[in-house]
Amino acid sequence: MLSQAQARGDTPADVVNAICEHYTRQLADSDFRAGCPVGAVAQEAFADPRLGTSVAGVVDDWASRLTAVLANAGHDDTDASDLAILCISSIEGAITLARVQRSTRPLEIVQERLIPLL
């Protein structure tokens, strides 16, 4: 999703909205059983150095792509990098909370509060 958005020149708001909407649908469609597989693996990766390296690579790729989208929208490099980490952290946390609360409201809050920063 990130590479396609980057190639199309989507705005940061478009990207974050698309990601949040994807997970909102996925959670609702799976009765909150499905979440982000990378987030789930990340919770356990600390005990396995190879797995930890793989998860870190995926997250680094996400951050790099989202940083590029933010930089293309006019953010300086430091702000773009910080905002990318904020977005990833917020979305991953919202997915976890949505599953726990059996509600998509955490993702809705991320969209409502995060988009204005982008």
PDB file of N, CA and C in Angstrom:
ATOM      1  N   MET A   1       0.827  -1.182   0.000  1.00  0.00           N
ATOM      2  CA  MET A   1       0.000   0.000   0.000  1.00  0.00           C
ATOM      3  C   MET A   1       0.880   1.258   0.000  1.00  0.00           C
ATOM      4  N   LEU A   2       1.932   1.249   0.797  1.00  0.00           N
ATOM      5  CA  LEU A   2       2.812   2.416   0.875  1.00  0.00           C
ATOM      6  C   LEU A   2       3.565   2.657  -0.426  1.00  0.00           C
ATOM      7  N   SER A   3       4.055   1.598  -1.039  1.00  0.00           N
ATOM      8  CA  SER A   3       4.803   1.787  -2.289  1.00  0.00           C
ATOM      9  C   SER A   3       3.890   2.291  -3.399  1.00  0.00           C
ATOM     10  N   GLN A   4       2.660   1.811  -3.444  1.00  0.00           N
ATOM     11  CA  GLN A   4       1.709   2.298  -4.447  1.00  0.00           C
ATOM     12  C   GLN A   4       1.359   3.757  -4.199  1.00  0.00           C
ATOM     13  N   ALA A   5       1.152   4.116  -2.947  1.00  0.00           N
ATOM     14  CA  ALA A   5       0.827   5.501  -2.607  1.00  0.00           C
ATOM     15  C   ALA A   5       1.986   6.426  -2.952  1.00  0.00           C
ATOM     16  N   GLN A   6       3.187   5.971  -2.665  1.00  0.00           N
ATOM     17  CA  GLN A   6       4.377   6.754  -2.974  1.00  0.00           C
ATOM     18  C   GLN A   6       4.500   6.954  -4.482  1.00  0.00           C
ATOM     19  N   ALA A   7       4.272   5.905  -5.252  1.00  0.00           N
ATOM     20  CA  ALA A   7       4.371   5.992  -6.709  1.00  0.00           C
ATOM     21  C   ALA A   7       3.313   6.926  -7.298  1.00  0.00           C
ATOM     22  N   ARG A   8       2.132   6.932  -6.701  1.00  0.00           N
ATOM     23  CA  ARG A   8       1.053   7.793  -7.204  1.00  0.00           C
ATOM     24  C   ARG A   8       1.212   9.241  -6.757  1.00  0.00           C
ATOM     25  N   GLY A   9       2.037   9.471  -5.750  1.00  0.00           N
ATOM     26  CA  GLY A   9       2.183  10.813  -5.216  1.00  0.00           C
ATOM     27  C   GLY A   9       1.059  11.194  -4.267  1.00  0.00           C
ATOM     28  N   ASP A  10       0.482  10.198  -3.596  1.00  0.00           N
ATOM     29  CA  ASP A  10      -0.597  10.470  -2.637  1.00  0.00           C
ATOM     30  C   ASP A  10      -0.111  11.392  -1.520  1.00  0.00           C
ATOM     31  N   THR A  11      -1.037  12.149  -0.953  1.00  0.00           N
ATOM     32  CA  THR A  11      -0.701  12.998   0.186  1.00  0.00           C
ATOM     33  C   THR A  11      -0.542  12.130   1.429  1.00  0.00           C
ATOM     34  N   PRO A  12       0.160  12.649   2.445  1.00  0.00           N
ATOM     35  CA  PRO A  12       0.262  11.892   3.698  1.00  0.00           C
ATOM     36  C   PRO A  12      -1.113  11.574   4.292  1.00  0.00           C
ATOM     37  N   ALA A  13      -2.042  12.521   4.205  1.00  0.00           N
ATOM     38  CA  ALA A  13      -3.391  12.266   4.733  1.00  0.00           C
ATOM     39  C   ALA A  13      -4.062  11.127   3.983  1.00  0.00           C
ATOM     40  N   ASP A  14      -3.906  11.086   2.666  1.00  0.00           N
ATOM     41  CA  ASP A  14      -4.474   9.989   1.870  1.00  0.00           C
ATOM     42  C   ASP A  14      -3.904   8.644   2.311  1.00  0.00           C
ATOM     43  N   VAL A  15      -2.600   8.620   2.546  1.00  0.00           N
ATOM     44  CA  VAL A  15      -1.932   7.371   2.927  1.00  0.00           C
ATOM     45  C   VAL A  15      -2.419   6.890   4.295  1.00  0.00           C
ATOM     46  N   VAL A  16      -2.412   7.779   5.270  1.00  0.00           N
ATOM     47  CA  VAL A  16      -2.833   7.380   6.621  1.00  0.00           C
ATOM     48  C   VAL A  16      -4.309   6.999   6.631  1.00  0.00           C
ATOM     49  N   ASN A  17      -5.135   7.746   5.925  1.00  0.00           N
ATOM     50  CA  ASN A  17      -6.545   7.378   5.831  1.00  0.00           C
ATOM     51  C   ASN A  17      -6.720   6.001   5.212  1.00  0.00           C
ATOM     52  N   ALA A  18      -6.006   5.715   4.138  1.00  0.00           N
ATOM     53  CA  ALA A  18      -6.124   4.415   3.469  1.00  0.00           C
ATOM     54  C   ALA A  18      -5.708   3.273   4.393  1.00  0.00           C
ATOM     55  N   ILE A  19      -4.617   3.466   5.121  1.00  0.00           N
ATOM     56  CA  ILE A  19      -4.152   2.425   6.037  1.00  0.00           C
ATOM     57  C   ILE A  19      -5.166   2.209   7.157  1.00  0.00           C
ATOM     58  N   CYS A  20      -5.637   3.288   7.746  1.00  0.00           N
ATOM     59  CA  CYS A  20      -6.621   3.171   8.829  1.00  0.00           C
ATOM     60  C   CYS A  20      -7.919   2.535   8.337  1.00  0.00           C
ATOM     61  N   GLU A  21      -8.359   2.917   7.161  1.00  0.00           N
ATOM     62  CA  GLU A  21      -9.594   2.341   6.620  1.00  0.00           C
ATOM     63  C   GLU A  21      -9.419   0.858   6.303  1.00  0.00           C
ATOM     64  N   HIS A  22      -8.236   0.488   5.819  1.00  0.00           N
ATOM     65  CA  HIS A  22      -7.955  -0.935   5.552  1.00  0.00           C
ATOM     66  C   HIS A  22      -8.086  -1.747   6.840  1.00  0.00           C
ATOM     67  N   TYR A  23      -7.438  -1.285   7.894  1.00  0.00           N
ATOM     68  CA  TYR A  23      -7.491  -2.032   9.151  1.00  0.00           C
ATOM     69  C   TYR A  23      -8.857  -1.954   9.815  1.00  0.00           C
ATOM     70  N   THR A  24      -9.562  -0.862   9.647  1.00  0.00           N
ATOM     71  CA  THR A  24     -10.923  -0.767  10.175  1.00  0.00           C
ATOM     72  C   THR A  24     -11.803  -1.841   9.546  1.00  0.00           C
ATOM     73  N   ARG A  25     -11.719  -1.972   8.217  1.00  0.00           N
ATOM     74  CA  ARG A  25     -12.498  -3.011   7.518  1.00  0.00           C
ATOM     75  C   ARG A  25     -12.061  -4.402   7.943  1.00  0.00           C
ATOM     76  N   GLN A  26     -10.753  -4.617   7.983  1.00  0.00           N
ATOM     77  CA  GLN A  26     -10.234  -5.938   8.331  1.00  0.00           C
ATOM     78  C   GLN A  26     -10.660  -6.354   9.733  1.00  0.00           C
ATOM     79  N   LEU A  27     -10.573  -5.446  10.671  1.00  0.00           N
ATOM     80  CA  LEU A  27     -10.979  -5.754  12.040  1.00  0.00           C
ATOM     81  C   LEU A  27     -12.474  -6.055  12.120  1.00  0.00           C
ATOM     82  N   ALA A  28     -13.272  -5.221  11.494  1.00  0.00           N
ATOM     83  CA  ALA A  28     -14.727  -5.425  11.523  1.00  0.00           C
ATOM     84  C   ALA A  28     -15.104  -6.732  10.825  1.00  0.00           C
ATOM     85  N   ASP A  29     -14.492  -6.995   9.673  1.00  0.00           N
ATOM     86  CA  ASP A  29     -14.816  -8.207   8.911  1.00  0.00           C
ATOM     87  C   ASP A  29     -14.395  -9.494   9.612  1.00  0.00           C
ATOM     88  N   SER A  30     -13.373  -9.403  10.457  1.00  0.00           N
ATOM     89  CA  SER A  30     -12.871 -10.601  11.139  1.00  0.00           C
ATOM     90  C   SER A  30     -13.364 -10.694  12.583  1.00  0.00           C
ATOM     91  N   ASP A  31     -14.331  -9.864  12.941  1.00  0.00           N
ATOM     92  CA  ASP A  31     -14.820  -9.813  14.317  1.00  0.00           C
ATOM     93  C   ASP A  31     -13.661  -9.562  15.292  1.00  0.00           C
ATOM     94  N   PHE A  32     -12.747  -8.692  14.866  1.00  0.00           N
ATOM     95  CA  PHE A  32     -11.606  -8.233  15.651  1.00  0.00           C
ATOM     96  C   PHE A  32     -10.563  -9.313  15.930  1.00  0.00           C
ATOM     97  N   ARG A  33     -10.580 -10.381  15.148  1.00  0.00           N
ATOM     98  CA  ARG A  33      -9.564 -11.420  15.290  1.00  0.00           C
ATOM     99  C   ARG A  33      -8.299 -11.055  14.520  1.00  0.00           C
ATOM    100  N   ALA A  34      -8.435 -10.450  13.349  1.00  0.00           N
ATOM    101  CA  ALA A  34      -7.282 -10.112  12.520  1.00  0.00           C
ATOM    102  C   ALA A  34      -6.735  -8.755  12.936  1.00  0.00           C
ATOM    103  N   GLY A  35      -5.441  -8.655  12.958  1.00  0.00           N
ATOM    104  CA  GLY A  35      -4.777  -7.388  13.228  1.00  0.00           C
ATOM    105  C   GLY A  35      -3.651  -7.221  12.232  1.00  0.00           C
ATOM    106  N   CYS A  36      -2.606  -6.578  12.633  1.00  0.00           N
ATOM    107  CA  CYS A  36      -1.433  -6.424  11.786  1.00  0.00           C
ATOM    108  C   CYS A  36      -0.460  -7.554  12.100  1.00  0.00           C
ATOM    109  N   PRO A  37      -0.147  -8.387  11.122  1.00  0.00           N
ATOM    110  CA  PRO A  37       0.756  -9.506  11.406  1.00  0.00           C
ATOM    111  C   PRO A  37       2.144  -9.049  11.827  1.00  0.00           C
ATOM    112  N   VAL A  38       2.601  -7.934  11.303  1.00  0.00           N
ATOM    113  CA  VAL A  38       3.926  -7.442  11.687  1.00  0.00           C
ATOM    114  C   VAL A  38       3.905  -6.997  13.149  1.00  0.00           C
ATOM    115  N   GLY A  39       2.843  -6.312  13.544  1.00  0.00           N
ATOM    116  CA  GLY A  39       2.716  -5.902  14.942  1.00  0.00           C
ATOM    117  C   GLY A  39       2.672  -7.097  15.879  1.00  0.00           C
ATOM    118  N   ALA A  40       1.964  -8.125  15.470  1.00  0.00           N
ATOM    119  CA  ALA A  40       1.872  -9.330  16.300  1.00  0.00           C
ATOM    120  C   ALA A  40       3.239  -9.999  16.449  1.00  0.00           C
ATOM    121  N   VAL A  41       3.963 -10.106  15.363  1.00  0.00           N
ATOM    122  CA  VAL A  41       5.294 -10.721  15.413  1.00  0.00           C
ATOM    123  C   VAL A  41       6.244  -9.841  16.219  1.00  0.00           C
ATOM    124  N   ALA A  42       6.119  -8.529  16.074  1.00  0.00           N
ATOM    125  CA  ALA A  42       7.000  -7.612  16.802  1.00  0.00           C
ATOM    126  C   ALA A  42       6.881  -7.806  18.310  1.00  0.00           C
ATOM    127  N   GLN A  43       5.695  -8.159  18.772  1.00  0.00           N
ATOM    128  CA  GLN A  43       5.497  -8.370  20.213  1.00  0.00           C
ATOM    129  C   GLN A  43       6.331  -9.539  20.737  1.00  0.00           C
ATOM    130  N   GLU A  44       6.641 -10.473  19.868  1.00  0.00           N
ATOM    131  CA  GLU A  44       7.375 -11.671  20.282  1.00  0.00           C
ATOM    132  C   GLU A  44       8.806 -11.698  19.770  1.00  0.00           C
ATOM    133  N   ALA A  45       9.176 -10.767  18.917  1.00  0.00           N
ATOM    134  CA  ALA A  45      10.469 -10.814  18.233  1.00  0.00           C
ATOM    135  C   ALA A  45      11.664 -10.615  19.156  1.00  0.00           C
ATOM    136  N   PHE A  46      11.454 -10.044  20.311  1.00  0.00           N
ATOM    137  CA  PHE A  46      12.578  -9.768  21.213  1.00  0.00           C
ATOM    138  C   PHE A  46      13.347 -11.032  21.574  1.00  0.00           C
ATOM    139  N   ALA A  47      12.679 -12.164  21.567  1.00  0.00           N
ATOM    140  CA  ALA A  47      13.312 -13.412  21.995  1.00  0.00           C
ATOM    141  C   ALA A  47      14.051 -14.121  20.859  1.00  0.00           C
ATOM    142  N   ASP A  48      13.895 -13.650  19.648  1.00  0.00           N
ATOM    143  CA  ASP A  48      14.508 -14.306  18.488  1.00  0.00           C
ATOM    144  C   ASP A  48      15.242 -13.258  17.654  1.00  0.00           C
ATOM    145  N   PRO A  49      16.560 -13.229  17.700  1.00  0.00           N
ATOM    146  CA  PRO A  49      17.312 -12.198  16.984  1.00  0.00           C
ATOM    147  C   PRO A  49      17.036 -12.163  15.474  1.00  0.00           C
ATOM    148  N   ARG A  50      16.876 -13.321  14.859  1.00  0.00           N
ATOM    149  CA  ARG A  50      16.599 -13.339  13.408  1.00  0.00           C
ATOM    150  C   ARG A  50      15.226 -12.749  13.110  1.00  0.00           C
ATOM    151  N   LEU A  51      14.248 -13.129  13.907  1.00  0.00           N
ATOM    152  CA  LEU A  51      12.896 -12.611  13.723  1.00  0.00           C
ATOM    153  C   LEU A  51      12.868 -11.109  14.002  1.00  0.00           C
ATOM    154  N   GLY A  52      13.558 -10.697  15.042  1.00  0.00           N
ATOM    155  CA  GLY A  52      13.635  -9.279  15.371  1.00  0.00           C
ATOM    156  C   GLY A  52      14.230  -8.467  14.238  1.00  0.00           C
ATOM    157  N   THR A  53      15.265  -8.987  13.619  1.00  0.00           N
ATOM    158  CA  THR A  53      15.892  -8.302  12.485  1.00  0.00           C
ATOM    159  C   THR A  53      14.925  -8.199  11.308  1.00  0.00           C
ATOM    160  N   SER A  54      14.172  -9.252  11.064  1.00  0.00           N
ATOM    161  CA  SER A  54      13.196  -9.230   9.964  1.00  0.00           C
ATOM    162  C   SER A  54      12.098  -8.205  10.210  1.00  0.00           C
ATOM    163  N   VAL A  55      11.562  -8.195  11.411  1.00  0.00           N
ATOM    164  CA  VAL A  55      10.503  -7.238  11.752  1.00  0.00           C
ATOM    165  C   VAL A  55      11.043  -5.815  11.677  1.00  0.00           C
ATOM    166  N   ALA A  56      12.240  -5.607  12.198  1.00  0.00           N
ATOM    167  CA  ALA A  56      12.844  -4.270  12.142  1.00  0.00           C
ATOM    168  C   ALA A  56      13.006  -3.824  10.691  1.00  0.00           C
ATOM    169  N   GLY A  57      13.350  -4.743   9.815  1.00  0.00           N
ATOM    170  CA  GLY A  57      13.487  -4.406   8.398  1.00  0.00           C
ATOM    171  C   GLY A  57      12.174  -3.959   7.778  1.00  0.00           C
ATOM    172  N   VAL A  58      11.105  -4.638   8.117  1.00  0.00           N
ATOM    173  CA  VAL A  58       9.788  -4.262   7.602  1.00  0.00           C
ATOM    174  C   VAL A  58       9.387  -2.886   8.124  1.00  0.00           C
ATOM    175  N   VAL A  59       9.555  -2.682   9.419  1.00  0.00           N
ATOM    176  CA  VAL A  59       9.176  -1.390  10.012  1.00  0.00           C
ATOM    177  C   VAL A  59      10.053  -0.272   9.447  1.00  0.00           C
ATOM    178  N   ASP A  60      11.334  -0.533   9.264  1.00  0.00           N
ATOM    179  CA  ASP A  60      12.217   0.463   8.661  1.00  0.00           C
ATOM    180  C   ASP A  60      11.774   0.804   7.243  1.00  0.00           C
ATOM    181  N   ASP A  61      11.330  -0.195   6.496  1.00  0.00           N
ATOM    182  CA  ASP A  61      10.831   0.044   5.140  1.00  0.00           C
ATOM    183  C   ASP A  61       9.581   0.917   5.180  1.00  0.00           C
ATOM    184  N   TRP A  62       8.654   0.589   6.082  1.00  0.00           N
ATOM    185  CA  TRP A  62       7.451   1.416   6.234  1.00  0.00           C
ATOM    186  C   TRP A  62       7.838   2.857   6.551  1.00  0.00           C
ATOM    187  N   ALA A  63       8.736   3.025   7.518  1.00  0.00           N
ATOM    188  CA  ALA A  63       9.139   4.370   7.944  1.00  0.00           C
ATOM    189  C   ALA A  63       9.811   5.122   6.801  1.00  0.00           C
ATOM    190  N   SER A  64      10.639   4.441   6.062  1.00  0.00           N
ATOM    191  CA  SER A  64      11.323   5.071   4.928  1.00  0.00           C
ATOM    192  C   SER A  64      10.337   5.530   3.863  1.00  0.00           C
ATOM    193  N   ARG A  65       9.392   4.675   3.527  1.00  0.00           N
ATOM    194  CA  ARG A  65       8.402   5.025   2.503  1.00  0.00           C
ATOM    195  C   ARG A  65       7.485   6.155   2.968  1.00  0.00           C
ATOM    196  N   LEU A  66       7.054   6.076   4.215  1.00  0.00           N
ATOM    197  CA  LEU A  66       6.180   7.125   4.728  1.00  0.00           C
ATOM    198  C   LEU A  66       6.946   8.439   4.892  1.00  0.00           C
ATOM    199  N   THR A  67       8.206   8.359   5.285  1.00  0.00           N
ATOM    200  CA  THR A  67       9.045   9.558   5.350  1.00  0.00           C
ATOM    201  C   THR A  67       9.137  10.210   3.977  1.00  0.00           C
ATOM    202  N   ALA A  68       9.299   9.412   2.936  1.00  0.00           N
ATOM    203  CA  ALA A  68       9.373   9.956   1.578  1.00  0.00           C
ATOM    204  C   ALA A  68       8.070  10.655   1.187  1.00  0.00           C
ATOM    205  N   VAL A  69       6.937  10.059   1.522  1.00  0.00           N
ATOM    206  CA  VAL A  69       5.637  10.674   1.229  1.00  0.00           C
ATOM    207  C   VAL A  69       5.525  12.019   1.951  1.00  0.00           C
ATOM    208  N   LEU A  70       5.933  12.045   3.212  1.00  0.00           N
ATOM    209  CA  LEU A  70       5.871  13.279   3.997  1.00  0.00           C
ATOM    210  C   LEU A  70       6.842  14.333   3.457  1.00  0.00           C
ATOM    211  N   ALA A  71       8.042  13.914   3.082  1.00  0.00           N
ATOM    212  CA  ALA A  71       9.017  14.851   2.522  1.00  0.00           C
ATOM    213  C   ALA A  71       8.516  15.419   1.194  1.00  0.00           C
ATOM    214  N   ASN A  72       7.903  14.573   0.392  1.00  0.00           N
ATOM    215  CA  ASN A  72       7.338  15.037  -0.889  1.00  0.00           C
ATOM    216  C   ASN A  72       6.218  16.050  -0.669  1.00  0.00           C
ATOM    217  N   ALA A  73       5.594  16.000   0.497  1.00  0.00           N
ATOM    218  CA  ALA A  73       4.516  16.939   0.821  1.00  0.00           C
ATOM    219  C   ALA A  73       5.047  18.233   1.440  1.00  0.00           C
ATOM    220  N   GLY A  74       6.385  18.325   1.591  1.00  0.00           N
ATOM    221  CA  GLY A  74       6.961  19.571   2.056  1.00  0.00           C
ATOM    222  C   GLY A  74       7.550  19.566   3.452  1.00  0.00           C
ATOM    223  N   HIS A  75       7.477  18.442   4.164  1.00  0.00           N
ATOM    224  CA  HIS A  75       8.079  18.374   5.498  1.00  0.00           C
ATOM    225  C   HIS A  75       9.592  18.251   5.358  1.00  0.00           C
ATOM    226  N   ASP A  76      10.335  18.908   6.258  1.00  0.00           N
ATOM    227  CA  ASP A  76      11.791  18.718   6.209  1.00  0.00           C
ATOM    228  C   ASP A  76      12.108  17.300   6.668  1.00  0.00           C
ATOM    229  N   ASP A  77      13.337  16.868   6.415  1.00  0.00           N
ATOM    230  CA  ASP A  77      13.704  15.469   6.643  1.00  0.00           C
ATOM    231  C   ASP A  77      13.468  15.002   8.081  1.00  0.00           C
ATOM    232  N   THR A  78      13.843  15.826   9.044  1.00  0.00           N
ATOM    233  CA  THR A  78      13.675  15.426  10.446  1.00  0.00           C
ATOM    234  C   THR A  78      12.204  15.317  10.811  1.00  0.00           C
ATOM    235  N   ASP A  79      11.412  16.321  10.442  1.00  0.00           N
ATOM    236  CA  ASP A  79       9.976  16.272  10.729  1.00  0.00           C
ATOM    237  C   ASP A  79       9.322  15.097  10.021  1.00  0.00           C
ATOM    238  N   ALA A  80       9.694  14.860   8.776  1.00  0.00           N
ATOM    239  CA  ALA A  80       9.113  13.752   8.015  1.00  0.00           C
ATOM    240  C   ALA A  80       9.411  12.421   8.692  1.00  0.00           C
ATOM    241  N   SER A  81      10.644  12.239   9.128  1.00  0.00           N
ATOM    242  CA  SER A  81      11.026  10.997   9.797  1.00  0.00           C
ATOM    243  C   SER A  81      10.290  10.830  11.124  1.00  0.00           C
ATOM    244  N   ASP A  82      10.228  11.909  11.906  1.00  0.00           N
ATOM    245  CA  ASP A  82       9.521  11.849  13.194  1.00  0.00           C
ATOM    246  C   ASP A  82       8.028  11.580  13.001  1.00  0.00           C
ATOM    247  N   LEU A  83       7.424  12.252  12.034  1.00  0.00           N
ATOM    248  CA  LEU A  83       5.991  12.039  11.771  1.00  0.00           C
ATOM    249  C   LEU A  83       5.720  10.622  11.284  1.00  0.00           C
ATOM    250  N   ALA A  84       6.619  10.066  10.497  1.00  0.00           N
ATOM    251  CA  ALA A  84       6.445   8.690  10.021  1.00  0.00           C
ATOM    252  C   ALA A  84       6.417   7.722  11.202  1.00  0.00           C
ATOM    253  N   ILE A  85       7.337   7.896  12.145  1.00  0.00           N
ATOM    254  CA  ILE A  85       7.360   7.033  13.325  1.00  0.00           C
ATOM    255  C   ILE A  85       6.113   7.253  14.172  1.00  0.00           C
ATOM    256  N   LEU A  86       5.686   8.500  14.307  1.00  0.00           N
ATOM    257  CA  LEU A  86       4.459   8.788  15.046  1.00  0.00           C
ATOM    258  C   LEU A  86       3.262   8.089  14.399  1.00  0.00           C
ATOM    259  N   CYS A  87       3.172   8.142  13.086  1.00  0.00           N
ATOM    260  CA  CYS A  87       2.063   7.488  12.369  1.00  0.00           C
ATOM    261  C   CYS A  87       2.078   5.980  12.583  1.00  0.00           C
ATOM    262  N   ILE A  88       3.236   5.373  12.393  1.00  0.00           N
ATOM    263  CA  ILE A  88       3.333   3.920  12.537  1.00  0.00           C
ATOM    264  C   ILE A  88       2.993   3.506  13.970  1.00  0.00           C
ATOM    265  N   SER A  89       3.556   4.201  14.929  1.00  0.00           N
ATOM    266  CA  SER A  89       3.295   3.884  16.331  1.00  0.00           C
ATOM    267  C   SER A  89       1.819   4.048  16.674  1.00  0.00           C
ATOM    268  N   SER A  90       1.231   5.114  16.197  1.00  0.00           N
ATOM    269  CA  SER A  90      -0.186   5.379  16.484  1.00  0.00           C
ATOM    270  C   SER A  90      -1.089   4.329  15.851  1.00  0.00           C
ATOM    271  N   ILE A  91      -0.830   3.998  14.616  1.00  0.00           N
ATOM    272  CA  ILE A  91      -1.671   3.019  13.915  1.00  0.00           C
ATOM    273  C   ILE A  91      -1.519   1.636  14.539  1.00  0.00           C
ATOM    274  N   GLU A  92      -0.281   1.222  14.798  1.00  0.00           N
ATOM    275  CA  GLU A  92      -0.068  -0.096  15.414  1.00  0.00           C
ATOM    276  C   GLU A  92      -0.722  -0.168  16.790  1.00  0.00           C
ATOM    277  N   GLY A  93      -0.580   0.887  17.577  1.00  0.00           N
ATOM    278  CA  GLY A  93      -1.223   0.916  18.883  1.00  0.00           C
ATOM    279  C   GLY A  93      -2.737   0.895  18.776  1.00  0.00           C
ATOM    280  N   ALA A  94      -3.268   1.625  17.812  1.00  0.00           N
ATOM    281  CA  ALA A  94      -4.719   1.665  17.616  1.00  0.00           C
ATOM    282  C   ALA A  94      -5.265   0.306  17.202  1.00  0.00           C
ATOM    283  N   ILE A  95      -4.507  -0.415  16.397  1.00  0.00           N
ATOM    284  CA  ILE A  95      -4.945  -1.756  15.987  1.00  0.00           C
ATOM    285  C   ILE A  95      -5.043  -2.657  17.218  1.00  0.00           C
ATOM    286  N   THR A  96      -4.034  -2.596  18.065  1.00  0.00           N
ATOM    287  CA  THR A  96      -4.043  -3.406  19.293  1.00  0.00           C
ATOM    288  C   THR A  96      -5.224  -3.027  20.184  1.00  0.00           C
ATOM    289  N   LEU A  97      -5.415  -1.736  20.417  1.00  0.00           N
ATOM    290  CA  LEU A  97      -6.529  -1.290  21.260  1.00  0.00           C
ATOM    291  C   LEU A  97      -7.879  -1.646  20.651  1.00  0.00           C
ATOM    292  N   ALA A  98      -7.994  -1.536  19.339  1.00  0.00           N
ATOM    293  CA  ALA A  98      -9.253  -1.884  18.677  1.00  0.00           C
ATOM    294  C   ALA A  98      -9.600  -3.349  18.933  1.00  0.00           C
ATOM    295  N   ARG A  99      -8.603  -4.211  18.866  1.00  0.00           N
ATOM    296  CA  ARG A  99      -8.857  -5.625  19.123  1.00  0.00           C
ATOM    297  C   ARG A  99      -9.260  -5.852  20.573  1.00  0.00           C
ATOM    298  N   VAL A 100      -8.576  -5.199  21.492  1.00  0.00           N
ATOM    299  CA  VAL A 100      -8.871  -5.352  22.915  1.00  0.00           C
ATOM    300  C   VAL A 100     -10.264  -4.823  23.233  1.00  0.00           C
ATOM    301  N   GLN A 101     -10.585  -3.653  22.689  1.00  0.00           N
ATOM    302  CA  GLN A 101     -11.866  -3.010  22.979  1.00  0.00           C
ATOM    303  C   GLN A 101     -12.992  -3.488  22.064  1.00  0.00           C
ATOM    304  N   ARG A 102     -12.632  -4.267  21.047  1.00  0.00           N
ATOM    305  CA  ARG A 102     -13.607  -4.743  20.062  1.00  0.00           C
ATOM    306  C   ARG A 102     -14.390  -3.558  19.492  1.00  0.00           C
ATOM    307  N   SER A 103     -13.618  -2.563  19.099  1.00  0.00           N
ATOM    308  CA  SER A 103     -14.180  -1.329  18.562  1.00  0.00           C
ATOM    309  C   SER A 103     -13.170  -0.712  17.601  1.00  0.00           C
ATOM    310  N   THR A 104     -13.655  -0.124  16.532  1.00  0.00           N
ATOM    311  CA  THR A 104     -12.759   0.558  15.600  1.00  0.00           C
ATOM    312  C   THR A 104     -12.480   1.998  16.030  1.00  0.00           C
ATOM    313  N   ARG A 105     -13.032   2.406  17.142  1.00  0.00           N
ATOM    314  CA  ARG A 105     -12.853   3.782  17.608  1.00  0.00           C
ATOM    315  C   ARG A 105     -11.381   4.200  17.755  1.00  0.00           C
ATOM    316  N   PRO A 106     -10.479   3.353  18.252  1.00  0.00           N
ATOM    317  CA  PRO A 106      -9.076   3.783  18.318  1.00  0.00           C
ATOM    318  C   PRO A 106      -8.509   4.200  16.956  1.00  0.00           C
ATOM    319  N   LEU A 107      -8.850   3.501  15.903  1.00  0.00           N
ATOM    320  CA  LEU A 107      -8.380   3.890  14.572  1.00  0.00           C
ATOM    321  C   LEU A 107      -9.038   5.190  14.107  1.00  0.00           C
ATOM    322  N   GLU A 108     -10.292   5.363  14.456  1.00  0.00           N
ATOM    323  CA  GLU A 108     -10.984   6.612  14.113  1.00  0.00           C
ATOM    324  C   GLU A 108     -10.321   7.798  14.817  1.00  0.00           C
ATOM    325  N   ILE A 109      -9.923   7.595  16.066  1.00  0.00           N
ATOM    326  CA  ILE A 109      -9.248   8.653  16.816  1.00  0.00           C
ATOM    327  C   ILE A 109      -7.906   8.991  16.163  1.00  0.00           C
ATOM    328  N   VAL A 110      -7.161   7.967  15.767  1.00  0.00           N
ATOM    329  CA  VAL A 110      -5.887   8.216  15.077  1.00  0.00           C
ATOM    330  C   VAL A 110      -6.128   9.060  13.836  1.00  0.00           C
ATOM    331  N   GLN A 111      -7.127   8.708  13.044  1.00  0.00           N
ATOM    332  CA  GLN A 111      -7.417   9.499  11.844  1.00  0.00           C
ATOM    333  C   GLN A 111      -7.779  10.940  12.206  1.00  0.00           C
ATOM    334  N   GLU A 112      -8.660  11.100  13.167  1.00  0.00           N
ATOM    335  CA  GLU A 112      -9.122  12.441  13.544  1.00  0.00           C
ATOM    336  C   GLU A 112      -7.996  13.313  14.075  1.00  0.00           C
ATOM    337  N   ARG A 113      -7.111  12.747  14.881  1.00  0.00           N
ATOM    338  CA  ARG A 113      -6.092  13.536  15.568  1.00  0.00           C
ATOM    339  C   ARG A 113      -4.768  13.630  14.811  1.00  0.00           C
ATOM    340  N   LEU A 114      -4.457  12.606  14.040  1.00  0.00           N
ATOM    341  CA  LEU A 114      -3.163  12.560  13.370  1.00  0.00           C
ATOM    342  C   LEU A 114      -3.160  13.317  12.045  1.00  0.00           C
ATOM    343  N   ILE A 115      -4.235  13.209  11.300  1.00  0.00           N
ATOM    344  CA  ILE A 115      -4.295  13.831   9.973  1.00  0.00           C
ATOM    345  C   ILE A 115      -3.945  15.319  10.004  1.00  0.00           C
ATOM    346  N   PRO A 116      -4.458  16.108  10.949  1.00  0.00           N
ATOM    347  CA  PRO A 116      -4.101  17.534  10.950  1.00  0.00           C
ATOM    348  C   PRO A 116      -2.597  17.799  11.106  1.00  0.00           C
ATOM    349  N   LEU A 117      -1.854  16.863  11.679  1.00  0.00           N
ATOM    350  CA  LEU A 117      -0.419  17.044  11.842  1.00  0.00           C
ATOM    351  C   LEU A 117       0.348  16.811  10.543  1.00  0.00           C
ATOM    352  N   LEU A 118      -0.304  16.151   9.606  1.00  0.00           N
ATOM    353  CA  LEU A 118       0.392  15.759   8.381  1.00  0.00           C
ATOM    354  C   LEU A 118       0.351  16.850   7.328  1.00  0.00           C
TER     355      LEU A 118
END
